[in-house]
C-alpha atoms as a PDB file:
ATOM      1  CA  MET A   1     -37.084 103.221 -16.264  1.00  0.00           C
ATOM      2  CA  VAL A   2     -35.894  99.836 -17.284  1.00  0.00           C
ATOM      3  CA  ARG A   3     -33.761  99.956 -20.510  1.00  0.00           C
ATOM      4  CA  LYS A   4     -35.359  98.729 -23.611  1.00  0.00           C
ATOM      5  CA  ASP A   5     -32.039  98.438 -25.492  1.00  0.00           C
ATOM      6  CA  SER A   6     -29.631  95.835 -24.190  1.00  0.00           C
ATOM      7  CA  LYS A   7     -26.722  97.850 -25.478  1.00  0.00           C
ATOM      8  CA  GLN A   8     -27.652 100.845 -23.162  1.00  0.00           C
ATOM      9  CA  SER A   9     -26.566 100.826 -19.488  1.00  0.00           C
ATOM     10  CA  PRO A  10     -28.860 101.359 -16.514  1.00  0.00           C
ATOM     11  CA  LYS A  11     -27.595 103.873 -14.018  1.00  0.00           C
ATOM     12  CA  ASN A  12     -25.528 103.133 -10.951  1.00  0.00           C
ATOM     13  CA  PHE A  13     -25.784  99.775  -9.390  1.00  0.00           C
ATOM     14  CA  GLY A  14     -23.582  99.511  -6.253  1.00  0.00           C
ATOM     15  CA  SER A  15     -21.475  96.588  -4.967  1.00  0.00           C
ATOM     16  CA  PHE A  16     -23.384  94.393  -2.621  1.00  0.00           C
ATOM     17  CA  ALA A  17     -21.341  91.162  -1.999  1.00  0.00           C
ATOM     18  CA  SER A  18     -19.424  92.557   1.021  1.00  0.00           C
ATOM     19  CA  LEU A  19     -22.356  94.089   2.837  1.00  0.00           C
ATOM     20  CA  PRO A  20     -24.658  92.365   5.456  1.00  0.00           C
ATOM     21  CA  ARG A  21     -27.904  91.136   3.937  1.00  0.00           C
ATOM     22  CA  LYS A  22     -29.911  94.093   5.259  1.00  0.00           C
ATOM     23  CA  LYS A  23     -27.428  96.428   3.618  1.00  0.00           C
ATOM     24  CA  LYS A  24     -27.308  94.463   0.508  1.00  0.00           C
ATOM     25  CA  ARG A  25     -30.992  94.758   0.004  1.00  0.00           C
ATOM     26  CA  GLN A  26     -30.964  98.509   0.713  1.00  0.00           C
ATOM     27  CA  LYS A  27     -28.124  98.896  -1.710  1.00  0.00           C
ATOM     28  CA  ILE A  28     -29.685  97.208  -4.592  1.00  0.00           C
ATOM     29  CA  VAL A  29     -33.040  98.881  -3.896  1.00  0.00           C
ATOM     30  CA  PHE A  30     -31.278 102.215  -4.323  1.00  0.00           C
ATOM     31  CA  GLY A  31     -29.488 100.852  -7.379  1.00  0.00           C
ATOM     32  CA  MET A  32     -32.757  99.800  -8.941  1.00  0.00           C
ATOM     33  CA  LEU A  33     -34.257 103.070  -8.011  1.00  0.00           C
ATOM     34  CA  ALA A  34     -31.425 104.885  -9.823  1.00  0.00           C
ATOM     35  CA  ALA A  35     -32.229 102.748 -12.848  1.00  0.00           C
ATOM     36  CA  VAL A  36     -35.886 103.223 -12.931  1.00  0.00           C
ATOM     37  CA  LEU A  37     -36.476 106.625 -11.404  1.00  0.00           C
ATOM     38  CA  GLY A  38     -33.544 108.752 -12.579  1.00  0.00           C
ATOM     39  CA  VAL A  39     -30.667 110.100 -10.486  1.00  0.00           C
ATOM     40  CA  GLY A  40     -32.340 113.387  -9.684  1.00  0.00           C
ATOM     41  CA  LEU A  41     -35.275 111.894  -7.873  1.00  0.00           C
ATOM     42  CA  VAL A  42     -33.209 109.189  -6.154  1.00  0.00           C
ATOM     43  CA  GLY A  43     -30.585 111.599  -4.946  1.00  0.00           C
ATOM     44  CA  SER A  44     -33.349 113.711  -3.416  1.00  0.00           C
ATOM     45  CA  SER A  45     -34.936 110.635  -1.829  1.00  0.00           C
ATOM     46  CA  MET A  46     -31.639 109.339  -0.260  1.00  0.00           C
ATOM     47  CA  PHE A  47     -30.793 112.774   1.047  1.00  0.00           C
ATOM     48  CA  TRP A  48     -34.017 113.121   2.765  1.00  0.00           C
ATOM     49  CA  ALA A  49     -33.681 109.553   4.204  1.00  0.00           C
ATOM     50  CA  PHE A  50     -30.136 109.791   5.465  1.00  0.00           C
ATOM     51  CA  GLY A  51     -28.784 113.345   4.973  1.00  0.00           C
ATOM     52  CA  ASP A  52     -28.839 116.466   7.065  1.00  0.00           C
ATOM     53  CA  ASN A  53     -32.294 117.323   8.354  1.00  0.00           C
ATOM     54  CA  ASN A  54     -31.556 121.015   7.958  1.00  0.00           C
ATOM     55  CA  LEU A  55     -32.126 121.242   4.323  1.00  0.00           C
ATOM     56  CA  PRO A  56     -32.177 124.634   2.597  1.00  0.00           C
ATOM     57  CA  SER A  57     -35.707 125.805   2.022  1.00  0.00           C
ATOM     58  CA  LYS A  58     -34.982 125.984  -1.677  1.00  0.00           C
ATOM     59  CA  SER A  59     -34.496 122.206  -1.687  1.00  0.00           C
ATOM     60  CA  LYS A  60     -37.655 121.741   0.202  1.00  0.00           C
ATOM     61  CA  ILE A  61     -39.659 123.868  -2.277  1.00  0.00           C
ATOM     62  CA  ALA A  62     -38.185 122.046  -5.199  1.00  0.00           C
ATOM     63  CA  ASP A  63     -39.100 118.636  -3.661  1.00  0.00           C
ATOM     64  CA  VAL A  64     -42.702 119.876  -3.176  1.00  0.00           C
ATOM     65  CA  GLN A  65     -42.849 121.225  -6.694  1.00  0.00           C
ATOM     66  CA  GLN A  66     -41.561 117.856  -8.058  1.00  0.00           C
ATOM     67  CA  THR A  67     -44.149 115.992  -6.094  1.00  0.00           C
ATOM     68  CA  GLU A  68     -46.817 118.282  -7.351  1.00  0.00           C
ATOM     69  CA  ALA A  69     -45.625 117.907 -10.963  1.00  0.00           C
ATOM     70  CA  ILE A  70     -45.840 113.976 -10.747  1.00  0.00           C
ATOM     71  CA  ASP A  71     -49.277 114.271  -9.108  1.00  0.00           C
ATOM     72  CA  GLY A  72     -50.405 116.463 -11.980  1.00  0.00           C
ATOM     73  CA  LYS A  73     -49.170 114.076 -14.524  1.00  0.00           C
ATOM     74  CA  ILE A  74     -50.760 111.205 -12.734  1.00  0.00           C
ATOM     75  CA  ALA A  75     -54.138 112.945 -12.654  1.00  0.00           C
ATOM     76  CA  ASN A  76     -53.820 113.513 -16.461  1.00  0.00           C
ATOM     77  CA  LEU A  77     -52.990 110.017 -17.340  1.00  0.00           C
ATOM     78  CA  GLU A  78     -55.780 108.690 -15.006  1.00  0.00           C
ATOM     79  CA  ALA A  79     -58.303 110.846 -16.899  1.00  0.00           C
ATOM     80  CA  GLN A  80     -56.951 109.716 -20.306  1.00  0.00           C
ATOM     81  CA  LEU A  81     -57.265 106.078 -19.258  1.00  0.00           C
ATOM     82  CA  LYS A  82     -60.986 106.564 -18.226  1.00  0.00           C
ATOM     83  CA  GLU A  83     -61.385 107.476 -21.949  1.00  0.00           C
ATOM     84  CA  ASN A  84     -59.269 104.700 -23.232  1.00  0.00           C
ATOM     85  CA  ASN A  85     -59.068 102.006 -20.712  1.00  0.00           C
ATOM     86  CA  GLN A  86     -57.296  99.505 -23.189  1.00  0.00           C
ATOM     87  CA  ASN A  87     -54.231 101.640 -23.802  1.00  0.00           C
ATOM     88  CA  THR A  88     -51.344  99.797 -22.474  1.00  0.00           C
ATOM     89  CA  GLU A  89     -48.761 102.577 -23.348  1.00  0.00           C
ATOM     90  CA  LEU A  90     -50.709 104.976 -21.089  1.00  0.00           C
ATOM     91  CA  MET A  91     -50.826 102.308 -18.493  1.00  0.00           C
ATOM     92  CA  GLY A  92     -47.117 101.800 -18.505  1.00  0.00           C
ATOM     93  CA  GLN A  93     -46.529 105.628 -18.201  1.00  0.00           C
ATOM     94  CA  LEU A  94     -49.010 105.808 -15.371  1.00  0.00           C
ATOM     95  CA  ALA A  95     -47.459 102.849 -13.542  1.00  0.00           C
ATOM     96  CA  LYS A  96     -44.005 104.441 -13.815  1.00  0.00           C
ATOM     97  CA  LEU A  97     -45.403 107.655 -12.324  1.00  0.00           C
ATOM     98  CA  TYR A  98     -47.033 105.771  -9.446  1.00  0.00           C
ATOM     99  CA  ARG A  99     -43.598 104.096  -8.749  1.00  0.00           C
ATOM    100  CA  ASP A 100     -41.898 107.464  -8.953  1.00  0.00           C
ATOM    101  CA  ASN A 101     -44.253 108.786  -6.315  1.00  0.00           C
ATOM    102  CA  GLY A 102     -43.674 105.722  -4.092  1.00  0.00           C
ATOM    103  CA  ASP A 103     -46.964 104.060  -4.666  1.00  0.00           C
ATOM    104  CA  TYR A 104     -45.619 100.698  -5.656  1.00  0.00           C
ATOM    105  CA  ALA A 105     -48.865  98.882  -4.961  1.00  0.00           C
ATOM    106  CA  LYS A 106     -50.723 100.973  -7.576  1.00  0.00           C
ATOM    107  CA  ALA A 107     -47.868 100.516  -9.876  1.00  0.00           C
ATOM    108  CA  VAL A 108     -48.030  96.807  -9.633  1.00  0.00           C
ATOM    109  CA  ASP A 109     -51.840  96.756 -10.162  1.00  0.00           C
ATOM    110  CA  THR A 110     -51.427  98.964 -13.362  1.00  0.00           C
ATOM    111  CA  TYR A 111     -48.631  96.748 -14.810  1.00  0.00           C
ATOM    112  CA  VAL A 112     -50.582  93.681 -14.094  1.00  0.00           C
ATOM    113  CA  LYS A 113     -53.792  95.089 -15.913  1.00  0.00           C
ATOM    114  CA  ALA A 114     -51.584  96.176 -18.758  1.00  0.00           C
ATOM    115  CA  LEU A 115     -50.006  92.677 -19.116  1.00  0.00           C
ATOM    116  CA  LYS A 116     -53.525  91.036 -19.103  1.00  0.00           C
ATOM    117  CA  ILE A 117     -54.230  93.116 -22.129  1.00  0.00           C
ATOM    118  CA  LYS A 118     -50.666  92.694 -23.756  1.00  0.00           C
ATOM    119  CA  PRO A 119     -49.110  89.641 -22.085  1.00  0.00           C
ATOM    120  CA  GLY A 120     -46.142  89.625 -24.433  1.00  0.00           C
ATOM    121  CA  ASP A 121     -44.792  93.070 -23.585  1.00  0.00           C
ATOM    122  CA  LEU A 122     -41.141  92.379 -22.681  1.00  0.00           C
ATOM    123  CA  ASP A 123     -40.471  95.831 -21.130  1.00  0.00           C
ATOM    124  CA  MET A 124     -43.601  95.742 -19.044  1.00  0.00           C
ATOM    125  CA  HIS A 125     -42.461  92.345 -17.511  1.00  0.00           C
ATOM    126  CA  LYS A 126     -39.121  93.834 -16.599  1.00  0.00           C
ATOM    127  CA  GLU A 127     -40.779  96.986 -15.177  1.00  0.00           C
ATOM    128  CA  LEU A 128     -43.150  94.865 -13.010  1.00  0.00           C
ATOM    129  CA  GLY A 129     -40.218  92.766 -11.908  1.00  0.00           C
ATOM    130  CA  VAL A 130     -38.323  95.798 -10.668  1.00  0.00           C
ATOM    131  CA  THR A 131     -41.429  97.093  -8.956  1.00  0.00           C
ATOM    132  CA  TYR A 132     -41.897  93.826  -7.135  1.00  0.00           C
ATOM    133  CA  PHE A 133     -38.348  93.811  -6.064  1.00  0.00           C
ATOM    134  CA  LEU A 134     -38.800  97.291  -4.599  1.00  0.00           C
ATOM    135  CA  LEU A 135     -41.734  95.811  -2.634  1.00  0.00           C
ATOM    136  CA  SER A 136     -39.336  93.002  -1.387  1.00  0.00           C
ATOM    137  CA  ASN A 137     -41.578  90.456  -3.218  1.00  0.00           C
ATOM    138  CA  TYR A 138     -38.559  88.610  -4.368  1.00  0.00           C
ATOM    139  CA  ASP A 139     -40.271  85.456  -5.876  1.00  0.00           C
ATOM    140  CA  LYS A 140     -42.672  87.527  -8.124  1.00  0.00           C
ATOM    141  CA  ALA A 141     -39.626  89.877  -9.080  1.00  0.00           C
ATOM    142  CA  VAL A 142     -37.591  86.765 -10.270  1.00  0.00           C
ATOM    143  CA  ALA A 143     -40.620  85.314 -12.008  1.00  0.00           C
ATOM    144  CA  GLN A 144     -41.174  88.425 -14.114  1.00  0.00           C
ATOM    145  CA  MET A 145     -37.551  88.489 -15.241  1.00  0.00           C
ATOM    146  CA  GLN A 146     -37.825  84.779 -16.164  1.00  0.00           C
ATOM    147  CA  GLN A 147     -40.755  85.560 -18.269  1.00  0.00           C
ATOM    148  CA  ALA A 148     -38.882  88.450 -19.929  1.00  0.00           C
ATOM    149  CA  ILE A 149     -36.048  86.016 -20.647  1.00  0.00           C
ATOM    150  CA  GLU A 150     -38.442  83.440 -22.118  1.00  0.00           C
ATOM    151  CA  LEU A 151     -39.945  86.158 -24.392  1.00  0.00           C
ATOM    152  CA  LYS A 152     -36.394  87.302 -25.499  1.00  0.00           C
ATOM    153  CA  PRO A 153     -33.534  85.089 -24.350  1.00  0.00           C
ATOM    154  CA  GLU A 154     -30.968  87.595 -25.725  1.00  0.00           C
ATOM    155  CA  ASP A 155     -32.199  90.560 -23.640  1.00  0.00           C
ATOM    156  CA  ALA A 156     -29.078  91.332 -21.825  1.00  0.00           C
ATOM    157  CA  TYR A 157     -30.612  93.417 -19.013  1.00  0.00           C
ATOM    158  CA  ALA A 158     -33.335  90.883 -18.185  1.00  0.00           C
ATOM    159  CA  HIS A 159     -30.442  88.516 -17.372  1.00  0.00           C
ATOM    160  CA  TYR A 160     -28.637  91.437 -15.431  1.00  0.00           C
ATOM    161  CA  TYR A 161     -31.601  92.114 -13.286  1.00  0.00           C
ATOM    162  CA  ALA A 162     -32.463  88.413 -12.737  1.00  0.00           C
ATOM    163  CA  GLY A 163     -28.781  87.820 -11.691  1.00  0.00           C
ATOM    164  CA  GLN A 164     -28.897  90.383  -8.986  1.00  0.00           C
ATOM    165  CA  PHE A 165     -32.468  89.445  -7.949  1.00  0.00           C
ATOM    166  CA  TYR A 166     -31.194  85.889  -7.397  1.00  0.00           C
ATOM    167  CA  ALA A 167     -27.831  86.768  -5.722  1.00  0.00           C
ATOM    168  CA  PHE A 168     -28.678  89.696  -3.638  1.00  0.00           C
ATOM    169  CA  ARG A 169     -32.260  89.063  -2.306  1.00  0.00           C
ATOM    170  CA  SER A 170     -32.298  89.103   1.484  1.00  0.00           C
ATOM    171  CA  ASP A 171     -34.465  86.028   2.160  1.00  0.00           C
ATOM    172  CA  GLU A 172     -34.041  82.251   2.107  1.00  0.00           C
ATOM    173  CA  GLY A 173     -34.599  82.144  -1.549  1.00  0.00           C
ATOM    174  CA  ARG A 174     -31.200  83.716  -2.368  1.00  0.00           C
ATOM    175  CA  ASP A 175     -29.285  81.621  -4.851  1.00  0.00           C
ATOM    176  CA  VAL A 176     -25.854  82.697  -5.545  1.00  0.00           C
ATOM    177  CA  ALA A 177     -25.162  80.112  -8.106  1.00  0.00           C
ATOM    178  CA  LYS A 178     -28.112  81.147 -10.243  1.00  0.00           C
ATOM    179  CA  GLY A 179     -27.229  84.723  -9.699  1.00  0.00           C
ATOM    180  CA  ILE A 180     -23.711  84.184 -11.219  1.00  0.00           C
ATOM    181  CA  LYS A 181     -25.040  82.248 -14.023  1.00  0.00           C
ATOM    182  CA  GLU A 182     -27.360  85.003 -15.035  1.00  0.00           C
ATOM    183  CA  LEU A 183     -24.651  87.654 -14.534  1.00  0.00           C
ATOM    184  CA  GLU A 184     -22.386  85.537 -16.800  1.00  0.00           C
ATOM    185  CA  GLU A 185     -25.067  85.378 -19.424  1.00  0.00           C
ATOM    186  CA  PHE A 186     -25.452  89.124 -19.346  1.00  0.00           C
ATOM    187  CA  MET A 187     -21.675  89.533 -19.951  1.00  0.00           C
ATOM    188  CA  ARG A 188     -21.821  87.111 -22.843  1.00  0.00           C
ATOM    189  CA  ILE A 189     -24.539  88.960 -24.559  1.00  0.00           C
ATOM    190  CA  GLN A 190     -23.599  92.556 -23.715  1.00  0.00           C
ATOM    191  CA  LYS A 191     -19.824  91.953 -24.241  1.00  0.00           C
ATOM    192  CA  GLU A 192     -18.599  95.308 -23.136  1.00  0.00           C
ATOM    193  CA  GLY A 193     -19.449  98.312 -21.319  1.00  0.00           C
ATOM    194  CA  PRO A 194     -19.469  99.618 -17.684  1.00  0.00           C
ATOM    195  CA  ASP A 195     -22.006  97.197 -16.496  1.00  0.00           C
ATOM    196  CA  VAL A 196     -20.069  94.382 -17.838  1.00  0.00           C
ATOM    197  CA  VAL A 197     -17.307  95.450 -15.622  1.00  0.00           C
ATOM    198  CA  LYS A 198     -19.682  95.780 -12.654  1.00  0.00           C
ATOM    199  CA  ALA A 199     -21.075  92.302 -13.490  1.00  0.00           C
ATOM    200  CA  LYS A 200     -17.521  90.794 -13.416  1.00  0.00           C
ATOM    201  CA  GLN A 201     -16.836  92.563 -10.046  1.00  0.00           C
ATOM    202  CA  TYR A 202     -20.223  91.116  -8.638  1.00  0.00           C
ATOM    203  CA  ILE A 203     -19.300  87.641  -9.814  1.00  0.00           C
ATOM    204  CA  GLU A 204     -15.847  87.929  -8.189  1.00  0.00           C
ATOM    205  CA  GLU A 205     -17.295  89.116  -4.887  1.00  0.00           C
ATOM    206  CA  LEU A 206     -20.016  86.479  -4.934  1.00  0.00           C
ATOM    207  CA  GLN A 207     -17.384  83.798  -5.578  1.00  0.00           C
ATOM    208  CA  ALA A 208     -15.116  85.078  -2.806  1.00  0.00           C
ATOM    209  CA  GLY A 209     -18.209  85.119  -0.434  1.00  0.00           C
ATOM    210  CA  GLN A 210     -18.876  81.390  -1.245  1.00  0.00           C
ATOM    211  CA  THR A 211     -15.394  80.356  -0.306  1.00  0.00           C
ATOM    212  CA  SER A 212     -14.710  82.575   2.661  1.00  0.00           C
END
């Protein structure tokens, strides 16, 4: 879940500057997943994707149970929304669960519907931006973060995400200078904490890449 409180830190974002573009995109995707889905689910997903195929049966059972639990929650929220189809809070919860389940297209559709009802929802814009990034729809991801910044210029993590979206996207729209500017703005607002240290490291790596 994207953080609401700018003083709270999203979970692990890796260092991307020294990696090839494809690897950079994979790294930030996993970083964003850690921020929005939670370490437990992400760890499981990464292990399935890259780890040993001979997983213990208990791990497989736990993964199935987790999927079934998410499916149950999705069905419950979908039923609630049939009764109250203007409830943006329910829509936000459902969109997150769709994303947890890997159904990014449904997550996007649900966030978009919610924002049509409540266009000034700062956190919904950030959540939608993250989801677009996971779909590699970088222009829309950046646009959503910029809308979040327009709604609340002092929202630290809107700048943090925007900075990474600009600097580490893997297409021709990559803009390191804009990325650095947004990361610097994040540092100005946030002032201290582990993500300020990370942002400083990202900036140093990006600047080194520009001159190398």
